[in-house]
Protein backbone atom coordinates (compact mmCIF):
# COMPACT_ATOMS: atom_id res chain seq x y z
CA MET A 1 -12.37 3.91 37.99
CA THR A 2 -15.60 2.02 38.40
CA ARG A 3 -16.07 -1.77 38.41
CA LYS A 4 -17.96 -1.50 35.06
CA ALA A 5 -14.95 0.52 33.35
CA ARG A 6 -12.24 -1.70 34.49
CA SER A 7 -13.77 -4.80 33.04
CA PRO A 8 -12.77 -4.36 29.42
CA LEU A 9 -9.17 -3.62 30.38
CA LEU A 10 -9.12 -6.64 32.37
CA VAL A 11 -10.43 -8.74 29.60
CA ILE A 12 -7.83 -7.41 27.19
CA LEU A 13 -5.11 -8.09 29.61
CA ALA A 14 -6.28 -11.68 30.04
CA ALA A 15 -6.04 -12.22 26.25
CA LEU A 16 -2.48 -10.89 26.14
CA VAL A 17 -1.48 -13.09 29.12
CA LEU A 18 -3.09 -16.26 27.72
CA PRO A 19 -2.88 -16.19 23.83
CA GLY A 20 -5.74 -18.17 22.20
CA THR A 21 -8.08 -17.70 25.26
CA TRP A 22 -10.55 -14.87 25.79
CA MET A 23 -11.36 -14.99 29.48
CA TRP A 24 -12.85 -12.82 32.28
CA PHE A 25 -10.14 -12.65 35.06
CA ARG A 26 -12.25 -11.96 38.07
CA SER A 27 -13.26 -13.72 41.23
CA GLU A 28 -16.76 -13.95 39.90
CA ASN A 29 -18.17 -17.46 39.42
CA TRP A 30 -17.67 -18.47 35.79
CA ASN A 31 -17.44 -22.14 36.71
CA ILE A 32 -19.53 -23.88 34.04
CA GLU A 33 -18.47 -27.53 35.01
CA ASP A 34 -21.60 -28.51 36.52
CA ALA A 35 -23.90 -26.83 33.94
CA ALA A 36 -27.25 -28.44 33.26
CA ASN A 37 -27.71 -29.62 29.58
CA ILE A 38 -30.44 -28.17 27.50
CA ASP A 39 -31.33 -30.50 24.70
CA ARG A 40 -31.72 -28.03 22.01
CA LEU A 41 -29.88 -25.39 20.16
CA PRO A 42 -29.76 -21.94 21.58
CA HIS A 43 -31.56 -19.11 19.77
CA ILE A 44 -29.16 -16.41 18.37
CA ARG A 45 -29.61 -13.48 16.15
CA PRO A 46 -28.33 -13.42 13.37
CA ASP A 47 -28.64 -17.13 12.68
CA PHE A 48 -25.00 -18.22 12.19
CA SER A 49 -25.51 -21.89 12.31
CA ASP A 50 -25.18 -24.92 9.87
CA ALA A 51 -23.32 -22.77 7.41
CA VAL A 52 -20.04 -22.95 5.59
CA ILE A 53 -18.11 -19.68 6.24
CA PRO A 54 -14.90 -18.18 4.58
CA PRO A 55 -11.51 -18.44 6.35
CA ASN A 56 -11.21 -14.62 5.85
CA ILE A 57 -14.72 -13.43 7.14
CA ALA A 58 -15.00 -11.02 10.00
CA PRO A 59 -16.15 -12.32 13.48
CA LEU A 60 -19.71 -13.71 13.46
CA ASN A 61 -20.94 -11.74 16.43
CA PHE A 62 -24.42 -12.36 17.64
CA VAL A 63 -27.07 -11.70 20.17
CA VAL A 64 -28.21 -14.55 22.41
CA GLN A 65 -32.01 -14.87 22.50
CA GLU A 66 -32.21 -16.73 25.82
CA PRO A 67 -32.92 -15.71 29.30
CA GLY A 68 -29.77 -15.02 31.45
CA THR A 69 -27.83 -12.62 33.47
CA ARG A 70 -24.41 -13.91 32.17
CA PHE A 71 -23.24 -15.65 29.05
CA LEU A 72 -20.41 -17.69 28.06
CA VAL A 73 -19.35 -18.93 24.63
CA ASN A 74 -16.34 -21.34 23.79
CA ILE A 75 -15.45 -21.04 20.00
CA ARG A 76 -13.30 -24.20 19.02
CA SER A 77 -11.94 -25.99 16.20
CA LYS A 78 -9.46 -28.95 15.58
CA HIS A 79 -6.04 -27.25 15.68
CA THR A 80 -6.13 -24.27 18.04
CA THR A 81 -6.98 -23.33 21.72
CA PRO A 82 -10.60 -22.31 21.99
CA ILE A 83 -11.59 -18.80 22.26
CA ARG A 84 -13.65 -18.08 25.33
CA VAL A 85 -16.05 -15.11 25.34
CA VAL A 86 -17.76 -14.02 28.48
CA SER A 87 -20.50 -11.39 28.81
CA ARG A 88 -23.14 -9.84 31.23
CA SER A 89 -24.94 -8.95 28.11
CA PRO A 90 -26.61 -11.25 25.49
CA LYS A 91 -24.41 -9.43 23.00
CA ILE A 92 -21.55 -11.66 21.98
CA GLU A 93 -18.56 -9.89 20.41
CA ILE A 94 -15.57 -12.10 19.33
CA PRO A 95 -12.11 -10.64 19.57
CA PRO A 96 -11.04 -10.10 15.73
CA GLN A 97 -7.45 -11.10 16.11
CA LEU A 98 -7.92 -14.24 17.90
CA TRP A 99 -10.88 -15.19 15.39
CA ARG A 100 -8.60 -14.60 12.40
CA SER A 101 -5.90 -16.94 13.82
CA LEU A 102 -8.45 -19.72 14.63
CA LEU A 103 -10.04 -19.50 11.05
CA GLU A 104 -6.69 -19.60 9.27
CA ALA A 105 -5.35 -22.48 11.23
CA ASN A 106 -8.61 -24.51 10.71
CA ARG A 107 -9.28 -24.28 7.09
CA GLY A 108 -11.56 -27.16 6.03
CA GLU A 109 -12.40 -28.09 9.68
CA ASP A 110 -15.61 -27.92 11.65
CA LEU A 111 -16.27 -24.80 13.83
CA HIS A 112 -18.23 -25.08 17.18
CA PHE A 113 -19.89 -22.51 19.30
CA GLU A 114 -20.56 -23.91 22.80
CA LEU A 115 -23.08 -21.47 24.52
CA TYR A 116 -23.75 -21.37 28.11
CA SER A 117 -26.23 -18.88 29.95
CA GLN A 118 -26.69 -18.48 33.83
CA VAL A 119 -30.23 -18.27 35.14
CA GLU A 120 -30.83 -17.55 38.83
CA GLY A 121 -27.33 -18.45 39.70
CA ARG A 122 -27.18 -21.75 37.69
CA TRP A 123 -25.47 -22.35 34.50
CA GLN A 124 -27.05 -24.14 31.68
CA GLN A 125 -25.48 -25.40 28.37
CA PHE A 126 -27.08 -25.67 25.07
CA GLN A 127 -26.20 -27.86 22.12
CA SER A 128 -23.23 -26.76 20.20
CA ILE A 129 -24.01 -24.38 17.09
CA ASN A 130 -21.83 -26.14 14.37
CA ASN A 131 -20.54 -24.48 11.14
CA ARG A 132 -17.80 -25.37 8.78
CA ILE A 133 -14.73 -23.36 7.68
CA ALA A 134 -14.27 -23.55 4.04
CA PRO A 135 -10.78 -24.09 2.33
CA HIS A 136 -11.63 -21.45 -0.07
CA PRO A 137 -11.33 -17.55 0.85
CA ILE A 138 -14.01 -15.31 -0.37
CA ASP A 139 -13.03 -12.12 -2.34
CA GLY A 140 -12.07 -9.55 0.21
CA HIS A 141 -14.59 -6.76 -0.46
CA LEU A 142 -18.22 -6.45 -1.14
CA VAL A 143 -19.54 -3.26 -2.75
CA TYR A 144 -23.16 -2.50 -2.38
CA ARG A 145 -25.90 0.16 -2.81
CA LEU A 146 -27.30 1.73 0.23
CA THR A 147 -30.74 3.34 -0.09
CA GLY A 148 -33.56 4.58 1.97
CA GLN A 149 -37.12 3.09 1.70
CA ILE A 150 -38.02 5.51 -1.15
CA HIS A 151 -40.84 5.61 -3.57
CA ASN A 152 -41.17 8.53 -5.82
CA PHE A 153 -37.94 10.40 -4.75
CA TRP A 154 -34.44 9.63 -4.12
CA ASN A 155 -32.21 11.05 -1.53
CA GLU A 156 -28.94 10.21 0.03
CA ILE A 157 -28.31 7.09 -2.26
CA SER A 158 -24.71 5.88 -1.84
CA ILE A 159 -22.44 3.01 -2.85
CA PHE A 160 -20.21 1.77 -0.29
CA GLN A 161 -17.38 -0.93 -0.17
CA HIS A 162 -17.30 -3.33 2.89
CA ASP A 163 -14.01 -5.16 4.03
CA LEU A 164 -15.32 -8.73 4.61
CA ALA A 165 -12.36 -9.27 7.05
CA THR A 166 -12.79 -6.31 9.32
CA ASN A 167 -16.10 -4.89 8.45
CA GLU A 168 -14.64 -1.50 7.74
CA LYS A 169 -17.11 0.56 5.42
CA LEU A 170 -15.98 3.30 3.19
CA PRO A 171 -17.97 5.36 0.70
CA VAL A 172 -17.37 4.76 -3.00
CA ILE A 173 -19.67 7.64 -3.98
CA GLU A 174 -22.54 9.45 -2.46
CA GLY A 175 -25.50 10.84 -4.17
CA LYS A 176 -25.35 14.04 -2.09
CA ALA A 177 -21.88 14.66 -3.78
CA ILE A 178 -23.75 15.26 -6.98
CA GLU A 179 -26.48 17.46 -5.64
CA HIS A 180 -28.49 14.50 -4.11
CA GLY A 181 -28.33 12.59 -7.53
CA CYS A 182 -28.68 8.83 -8.06
CA VAL A 183 -25.77 6.42 -8.15
CA ASN A 184 -26.18 2.88 -9.33
CA CYS A 185 -25.49 -0.03 -11.50
CA HIS A 186 -21.80 -0.57 -10.40
CA SER A 187 -19.92 -3.33 -12.16
CA PHE A 188 -16.40 -4.69 -12.28
CA SER A 189 -14.14 -6.38 -14.77
CA ASN A 190 -13.38 -9.86 -13.56
CA ASN A 191 -13.99 -8.74 -9.99
CA ARG A 192 -10.99 -6.31 -10.32
CA PRO A 193 -11.81 -2.81 -8.90
CA ASN A 194 -9.13 -1.12 -11.01
CA GLN A 195 -11.54 -1.47 -14.00
CA MET A 196 -15.09 -0.81 -13.14
CA CYS A 197 -17.89 1.72 -13.87
CA ILE A 198 -20.73 3.45 -11.81
CA GLY A 199 -23.99 4.89 -13.41
CA MET A 200 -25.07 8.40 -12.21
CA ARG A 201 -28.11 10.62 -12.65
CA SER A 202 -28.10 14.20 -11.48
CA SER A 203 -30.30 17.13 -12.56
CA GLN A 204 -27.21 19.42 -12.19
CA TYR A 205 -24.38 17.34 -13.49
CA GLY A 206 -26.22 15.31 -16.09
CA SER A 207 -26.59 11.62 -16.44
CA GLY A 208 -23.76 9.18 -17.57
CA ALA A 209 -21.27 6.95 -16.01
CA ILE A 210 -17.87 7.06 -14.01
CA VAL A 211 -15.71 4.62 -15.88
CA VAL A 212 -12.45 3.35 -14.29
CA THR A 213 -9.63 1.88 -16.37
CA ASN A 214 -6.16 0.98 -15.18
CA GLY A 215 -7.04 2.90 -11.83
CA GLU A 216 -7.95 6.20 -13.68
CA ALA A 217 -11.42 7.63 -13.59
CA LYS A 218 -13.22 9.36 -16.65
CA LYS A 219 -16.88 10.40 -17.19
CA LEU A 220 -18.77 8.75 -19.94
CA GLY A 221 -21.52 11.00 -21.35
CA ARG A 222 -24.04 8.02 -21.74
CA LYS A 223 -26.51 6.58 -19.48
CA LEU A 224 -25.64 3.21 -18.39
CA GLY A 225 -28.07 0.45 -17.22
CA TYR A 226 -26.84 -3.00 -16.25
CA THR A 227 -23.25 -3.32 -17.51
CA THR A 228 -21.07 -6.26 -17.99
CA TRP A 229 -17.24 -6.12 -18.74
CA HIS A 230 -15.60 -8.27 -21.49
CA PRO A 231 -13.08 -10.50 -19.78
CA SER A 232 -10.29 -8.81 -21.81
CA GLY A 233 -11.29 -5.40 -20.29
CA ARG A 234 -11.30 -3.89 -23.84
CA LEU A 235 -15.07 -3.26 -24.04
CA ALA A 236 -18.28 -3.27 -21.74
CA VAL A 237 -21.86 -4.00 -22.80
CA TYR A 238 -24.52 -2.21 -21.03
CA SER A 239 -28.45 -1.86 -21.26
CA ILE A 240 -30.33 1.25 -22.05
CA ASN A 241 -33.79 1.20 -20.39
CA LYS A 242 -36.85 3.05 -20.28
CA VAL A 243 -38.27 1.81 -16.96
CA ARG A 244 -41.37 3.13 -14.90
CA GLN A 245 -42.46 2.60 -11.35
CA PHE A 246 -46.09 1.88 -10.35
CA PHE A 247 -47.92 0.70 -7.32
CA HIS A 248 -50.37 -2.05 -6.50
CA THR A 249 -53.39 -1.54 -4.26
CA ALA A 250 -54.03 -5.26 -3.45
CA GLN A 251 -50.78 -7.18 -3.56
CA SER A 252 -48.10 -8.13 -0.74
CA SER A 253 -45.60 -6.16 -2.67
CA VAL A 254 -46.83 -2.58 -3.23
CA ARG A 255 -44.20 -1.32 -5.59
CA ASP A 256 -43.40 -2.64 -9.03
CA VAL A 257 -41.29 -1.70 -12.17
CA ILE A 258 -41.90 -2.32 -15.70
CA ASP A 259 -39.23 -2.01 -18.58
CA MET A 260 -41.11 -0.07 -21.36
CA ASP A 261 -38.43 -0.43 -23.85
CA SER A 262 -34.76 -1.37 -23.69
CA ALA A 263 -31.72 -2.40 -25.88
CA LEU A 264 -28.02 -3.21 -25.71
CA GLU A 265 -25.07 -1.04 -26.36
CA TYR A 266 -21.36 -1.37 -25.88
CA PHE A 267 -18.34 1.21 -25.52
CA ASP A 268 -14.89 0.41 -26.62
CA VAL A 269 -12.34 1.48 -23.74
CA GLU A 270 -9.43 2.18 -26.31
CA THR A 271 -11.34 4.09 -29.00
CA GLU A 272 -13.98 5.44 -26.52
CA GLN A 273 -16.68 4.84 -29.08
CA VAL A 274 -20.22 3.76 -28.22
CA SER A 275 -22.25 1.38 -30.52
CA LEU A 276 -25.50 -0.35 -30.63
CA ILE A 277 -25.65 -4.23 -30.80
CA GLN A 278 -28.03 -4.51 -33.67
CA GLN A 279 -28.58 -8.15 -33.04
CA ALA A 280 -29.74 -7.54 -29.47
CA SER A 281 -31.84 -4.36 -30.08
CA ASP A 282 -35.09 -5.77 -31.62
CA ARG A 283 -37.57 -3.00 -31.65
CA LYS A 284 -40.40 -5.51 -30.88
CA ARG A 285 -38.50 -7.07 -27.79
CA LEU A 286 -36.98 -5.88 -24.56
CA GLU A 287 -33.32 -6.89 -24.02
CA THR A 288 -31.62 -6.33 -20.80
CA TYR A 289 -29.12 -7.75 -18.10
CA PRO A 290 -26.12 -8.55 -20.27
CA CYS A 291 -23.53 -11.04 -18.89
CA TRP A 292 -20.26 -12.20 -20.53
CA SER A 293 -19.15 -15.86 -20.56
CA PRO A 294 -15.78 -15.97 -18.85
CA ASP A 295 -13.93 -16.87 -22.26
CA GLY A 296 -15.66 -13.72 -23.81
CA GLU A 297 -17.11 -15.57 -26.65
CA HIS A 298 -20.76 -15.48 -25.67
CA LEU A 299 -22.77 -12.44 -24.23
CA TYR A 300 -25.83 -13.73 -22.25
CA TYR A 301 -28.85 -11.68 -21.75
CA CYS A 302 -32.62 -11.51 -21.21
CA SER A 303 -35.18 -10.72 -23.86
CA ALA A 304 -39.03 -10.52 -23.78
CA PRO A 305 -41.66 -9.50 -26.46
CA ILE A 306 -43.23 -6.02 -26.04
CA LEU A 307 -47.00 -6.83 -25.57
CA TRP A 308 -48.46 -3.44 -25.71
CA GLU A 309 -49.24 -0.75 -28.38
CA ASP A 310 -49.43 2.16 -26.17
CA SER A 311 -45.85 3.00 -24.83
CA ASP A 312 -47.06 5.91 -22.51
CA ALA A 313 -49.59 4.05 -20.43
CA VAL A 314 -48.27 2.96 -16.99
CA PRO A 315 -48.57 0.33 -16.27
CA PRO A 316 -49.16 -0.94 -19.83
CA GLU A 317 -51.71 -3.51 -20.89
CA ARG A 318 -50.54 -7.09 -20.10
CA TYR A 319 -47.69 -6.14 -18.19
CA ALA A 320 -48.10 -8.99 -15.87
CA GLU A 321 -47.72 -11.37 -18.80
CA VAL A 322 -44.25 -10.28 -19.75
CA LYS A 323 -41.67 -13.07 -19.35
CA TYR A 324 -38.08 -12.91 -20.30
CA ASP A 325 -36.25 -15.73 -22.18
CA LEU A 326 -32.41 -16.28 -21.59
CA MET A 327 -30.62 -15.77 -24.74
CA ARG A 328 -26.97 -15.57 -25.76
CA ILE A 329 -24.95 -14.30 -28.95
CA HIS A 330 -21.55 -14.98 -30.17
CA TYR A 331 -19.02 -12.33 -30.26
CA ASP A 332 -15.57 -12.15 -32.06
CA LEU A 333 -13.28 -9.55 -30.19
CA GLU A 334 -10.66 -9.38 -32.99
CA THR A 335 -13.18 -8.61 -35.78
CA ASP A 336 -15.79 -6.81 -33.37
CA THR A 337 -18.48 -8.79 -35.08
CA TRP A 338 -21.81 -10.40 -33.64
CA GLY A 339 -23.59 -13.54 -34.38
CA GLU A 340 -27.25 -14.23 -34.20
CA PRO A 341 -29.21 -14.70 -31.03
CA GLU A 342 -29.64 -18.23 -29.56
CA LEU A 343 -32.13 -19.35 -27.09
CA VAL A 344 -30.57 -20.93 -23.96
CA LEU A 345 -33.68 -21.26 -21.69
CA SER A 346 -37.40 -20.05 -22.53
CA ALA A 347 -39.83 -18.59 -20.33
CA GLU A 348 -42.42 -20.81 -22.01
CA LYS A 349 -40.44 -23.83 -20.68
CA THR A 350 -40.25 -22.58 -17.18
CA GLY A 351 -43.38 -20.60 -16.83
CA LEU A 352 -41.45 -17.84 -15.27
CA SER A 353 -39.52 -14.81 -16.12
CA ILE A 354 -35.79 -15.42 -16.29
CA LEU A 355 -33.50 -12.52 -15.15
CA GLN A 356 -30.10 -11.53 -13.98
CA PRO A 357 -27.75 -14.24 -15.31
CA ARG A 358 -24.32 -14.47 -13.87
CA ILE A 359 -21.73 -17.07 -14.81
CA SER A 360 -19.12 -18.50 -12.53
CA PRO A 361 -15.57 -17.49 -13.47
CA ASP A 362 -14.68 -20.97 -14.15
CA GLY A 363 -17.56 -21.07 -16.73
CA LYS A 364 -19.26 -24.10 -15.01
CA PHE A 365 -22.52 -22.56 -13.58
CA LEU A 366 -24.97 -19.88 -14.40
CA LEU A 367 -26.72 -18.28 -11.44
CA PHE A 368 -30.04 -16.64 -12.27
CA CYS A 369 -33.37 -15.40 -10.99
CA MET A 370 -36.91 -16.32 -11.99
CA CYS A 371 -40.14 -14.86 -10.91
CA ARG A 372 -43.83 -14.61 -11.99
CA TYR A 373 -43.40 -11.87 -14.46
CA GLY A 374 -41.44 -8.60 -15.30
CA CYS A 375 -37.80 -7.39 -15.07
CA PHE A 376 -37.31 -6.24 -11.39
CA PRO A 377 -37.09 -9.38 -9.19
CA ILE A 378 -36.51 -7.67 -5.78
CA TYR A 379 -39.97 -6.32 -5.92
CA GLN A 380 -41.37 -9.87 -6.62
CA PRO A 381 -41.79 -12.03 -3.48
CA THR A 382 -41.81 -15.16 -5.77
CA SER A 383 -38.30 -14.28 -7.19
CA ASP A 384 -35.90 -17.16 -6.39
CA LEU A 385 -32.31 -18.05 -7.32
CA TYR A 386 -31.50 -20.91 -9.73
CA ILE A 387 -28.38 -22.48 -10.84
CA MET A 388 -27.64 -24.04 -14.34
CA ASP A 389 -25.00 -26.43 -15.15
CA LEU A 390 -23.68 -24.88 -18.46
CA GLU A 391 -22.40 -28.30 -19.89
CA THR A 392 -25.80 -29.94 -19.52
CA ARG A 393 -28.01 -26.85 -19.44
CA GLU A 394 -30.06 -28.49 -16.57
CA TYR A 395 -30.96 -26.14 -13.79
CA MET A 396 -32.09 -26.43 -10.19
CA LYS A 397 -33.58 -24.41 -7.47
CA PRO A 398 -31.02 -24.44 -4.46
CA ASP A 399 -31.91 -24.58 -0.87
CA ILE A 400 -30.76 -20.93 -0.37
CA ASN A 401 -34.16 -19.30 -1.15
CA SER A 402 -36.87 -18.10 1.19
CA SER A 403 -40.45 -17.11 1.00
CA SER A 404 -39.32 -13.47 0.32
CA ALA A 405 -37.53 -12.08 -2.77
CA GLU A 406 -33.93 -13.16 -3.75
CA ALA A 407 -32.39 -11.04 -6.24
CA TRP A 408 -29.12 -9.50 -7.49
CA HIS A 409 -25.99 -11.81 -6.96
CA SER A 410 -22.45 -12.00 -7.86
CA TRP A 411 -19.63 -14.63 -7.86
CA SER A 412 -16.33 -14.58 -6.07
CA SER A 413 -13.36 -14.80 -8.45
CA ASN A 414 -12.52 -18.32 -7.40
CA SER A 415 -16.16 -19.49 -8.16
CA ARG A 416 -16.62 -20.87 -4.62
CA TRP A 417 -18.85 -18.05 -3.10
CA ILE A 418 -21.75 -16.00 -4.07
CA ALA A 419 -23.27 -12.82 -2.62
CA PHE A 420 -26.93 -12.18 -3.19
CA SER A 421 -29.61 -9.77 -2.04
CA SER A 422 -32.69 -10.89 -0.23
CA ARG A 423 -35.57 -9.63 1.74
CA ARG A 424 -36.15 -12.63 4.02
CA ARG A 425 -35.70 -10.43 7.23
CA GLY A 426 -39.13 -9.06 7.41
CA GLY A 427 -39.76 -8.56 3.66
CA VAL A 428 -39.29 -4.78 3.58
CA PHE A 429 -35.51 -4.00 3.70
CA THR A 430 -33.04 -5.66 1.40
CA ARG A 431 -30.02 -7.30 2.97
CA CYS A 432 -26.79 -9.09 1.64
CA TYR A 433 -26.38 -12.82 2.18
CA LEU A 434 -23.24 -14.95 1.40
CA SER A 435 -23.42 -18.75 0.43
CA PHE A 436 -20.53 -21.33 -0.23
CA VAL A 437 -20.96 -23.29 -3.65
CA ASP A 438 -19.00 -26.40 -3.82
CA GLU A 439 -17.46 -27.91 -6.93
CA SER A 440 -20.57 -29.82 -7.83
CA GLY A 441 -22.79 -26.58 -7.88
CA GLN A 442 -24.37 -27.19 -4.46
CA ALA A 443 -25.06 -23.88 -2.79
CA HIS A 444 -24.85 -24.17 1.22
CA LYS A 445 -26.98 -22.41 3.73
CA PRO A 446 -26.49 -18.68 3.42
CA PHE A 447 -25.72 -16.26 6.25
CA ILE A 448 -26.21 -12.64 6.39
CA LEU A 449 -23.24 -10.26 6.10
CA PRO A 450 -21.68 -10.08 9.46
CA GLN A 451 -21.47 -6.70 11.35
CA ASN A 452 -19.30 -5.74 14.27
CA ASP A 453 -22.35 -4.72 16.03
CA PRO A 454 -24.63 -7.87 15.96
CA GLU A 455 -27.60 -5.49 16.33
CA ALA A 456 -26.96 -3.22 13.46
CA TYR A 457 -29.57 -4.47 11.31
CA ASP A 458 -32.21 -3.77 13.83
CA SER A 459 -31.80 -0.18 13.51
CA LEU A 460 -30.74 0.16 9.89
CA LEU A 461 -33.75 1.45 8.03
CA LYS A 462 -32.08 1.22 4.63
CA SER A 463 -31.60 -1.26 1.93
CA MET A 464 -28.36 -2.91 1.05
CA SER A 465 -28.77 -3.98 -2.53
CA VAL A 466 -26.65 -4.77 -5.78
CA PRO A 467 -23.87 -6.93 -3.84
CA GLU A 468 -20.68 -7.16 -6.01
CA LEU A 469 -17.77 -9.09 -4.76
CA THR A 470 -14.34 -7.64 -5.60
CA SER A 471 -10.74 -9.00 -5.02
CA ALA A 472 -9.23 -5.72 -3.55
CA PRO A 473 -10.49 -2.25 -2.36
CA ILE A 474 -11.30 0.32 -4.94
CA PRO A 475 -8.33 2.37 -5.67
CA ILE A 476 -10.03 5.79 -6.03
CA ASP A 477 -11.60 7.59 -3.08
CA ALA A 478 -15.09 9.04 -2.86
CA GLN A 479 -13.65 12.62 -3.30
CA GLU A 480 -12.13 11.71 -6.68
CA MET A 481 -15.25 9.85 -7.74
CA ALA A 482 -17.36 12.83 -6.96
CA ARG A 483 -14.90 15.29 -8.95
CA VAL A 484 -15.18 13.23 -12.02
CA ALA A 485 -19.02 12.94 -11.59
CA ARG A 486 -19.22 16.67 -11.49
CA SER A 487 -16.87 17.18 -14.37
CA GLU A 488 -18.10 18.85 -17.70
CA ASP A 489 -15.48 16.69 -19.67
CA ALA A 490 -17.03 13.38 -20.94
CA PHE A 491 -16.16 10.89 -23.53
CA GLY A 492 -18.68 8.96 -25.76
CA VAL A 493 -21.07 11.98 -26.05
CA ASP A 494 -20.81 12.52 -29.88
CA ALA A 495 -20.79 8.83 -30.63
CA MET A 496 -24.70 8.70 -30.62
CA SER A 497 -26.35 5.57 -31.97
CA GLU A 498 -29.79 5.02 -33.18
CA ALA A 499 -30.50 3.63 -29.86
CA THR A 500 -31.11 7.17 -28.62
CA THR A 501 -34.37 7.29 -30.69
CA LEU A 502 -35.16 3.75 -29.79
CA VAL A 503 -35.33 4.36 -26.07
CA ASP A 504 -36.70 7.20 -24.16
CA MET A 505 -34.00 7.56 -21.31
CA SER A 506 -36.22 9.93 -19.12
CA GLU A 507 -36.13 9.05 -15.49
CA PRO A 508 -38.61 6.67 -13.84
CA TRP A 509 -38.28 8.55 -10.47
CA GLU A 510 -37.75 12.39 -10.49
CA PRO A 511 -35.10 13.67 -8.05
CA GLY A 512 -35.99 15.37 -4.92
CA HIS A 513 -35.73 15.46 -1.21
CA ARG A 514 -37.73 13.52 1.31
C-alpha cells in the first residue's frame, strides 16, 4: 500500500479514536503554534463567510484560494470540541457526522473557521471566517430544475430533489423519459411533497401535468404554467401562457421572453373539473404568477395591459414598456366564488415590473421580483428581490441582491428561510442560494447551495433554477412519474373552458436534440 493510499484510512481511524476531532495522525509537522498571523480573511470558494446557516445543512466544503502546500482548518463553536481538517490539497472536505453533531449542539451560536496554510515550510494563520448557526432549521429538501444552456431547443431537461443535510440528489422526472420532452413548473401544497404537480410537454405523450394528491400520481390533460395550491389542498390555480422567446443583438443579456397572452384557471382536486377565473382573465390584460395567501382567502397575481395590436409579431411593439402590477382577489372556498381584483402595488409607483410574488407561511411578508420590464426576470440583469411587510404594505430591497439577475424564490415552511435563483456567478448559469430571514423580515447574506465537492460548480455547465423547498422527499420515484407522464389516461380533458380560445398554447421552443 502506498503512502498516499494509507492516508485516508489513518484519518478515519484518528476520528474514531478521538471523537469530535478530525486529525492527521502522522509524524509530519502539523504544529501550528508558531504560525505567523496574516491580518486579513483568507480567500475561499465558495464564499461561506458572514452568513447565517441552518443547523441541518450539509458541510460547507470549500477550496482555499491561497498559496500553500498543506492546509489546516479548525472548525469550532461554543459547546463542542473543534473539528480539525488537514489536507495537502486546497480542497477542504468536512466529515459529515462530526459536522452534524457540531451544528446540532450549537444552535444559535457563532461558528468559526480558523484556517492555516503552510508556505515554504512555515505556517501562517488567517483571520477567522465567522458564521452563525440559526436556531431554526430549513426544510430538508430542495427541488430544482436542471437545464442546459439551450436556446431554440430543449434536451435532457430534468427535475431533481436535493437532500440539504446530505447533498444526495435524486431525479424526480427526466425529460428523456418522455422522449426528450420538457418538464417544468413544479409546485407543492404547503411545502408538502405528497401534494404537488409538474408541468410536461412532449411531442409523443402530449402536454399536461402530473398531479400528485395523497401520494398518488395522475395525469392532468391540461397545460399548466405557474401553479399555486390552495392551503386546503382542494384546488390549485395556474396560469396559461402564450410565451415567445426572442434575441437581442446589443444587450448584455441576449435572450428574452415575452408573454403574448395569458389568463388564470384552476382545477378542483375532488371533482377534477377545470374552470377559468373570469375576474382574472381580462382579454386586454396579461395575468400570471398566481400565489395564495396562507389563509386561502386571497389569490395574489401579476397583471399588465396588452400594448400591441398584432399578436403574431415577435417581439411585439412596445414590449419593453410592459410592466406588471401586483394584484389580489378574494376567494370563498365554501361557495367557490371570486371577488373583484384589488391593486396591491402598481408598476406606475415602482417604475418597474412586479413579478413572482410568494408569501411567507406565517403571512407576514411577501417576497417578489422587480425588473425593468416584462415577465421573465432571470433574463433581466436588473431583476432584484424585494420584501413587503403585508401589514403596512411597505417594501424594501434587502442586501441579498447582486449586479446579476435574481429570480425564482420559495419559502421554508417555518418562514425563516428562502431559496432563490441567481446568476451572480458569472452571469451565465443559474444557481440556487439560501438566505436566513429573521422575524423582522431582514434577509441575511445568502450562500450558494453547498455540494460535497466544493469544485462541483466549476464544471457544471447547466443551470439550476426554480428552487422549491419541501419538508420531506417526494414519495414517488422517477420511474412512476415517467409512467404517469406517458399514460393515455388523463383527467380534465373534457372540462374545456373558454380560455382555450383566449390563449394559443403553442410552444415557444420546439422540441429537438442538440
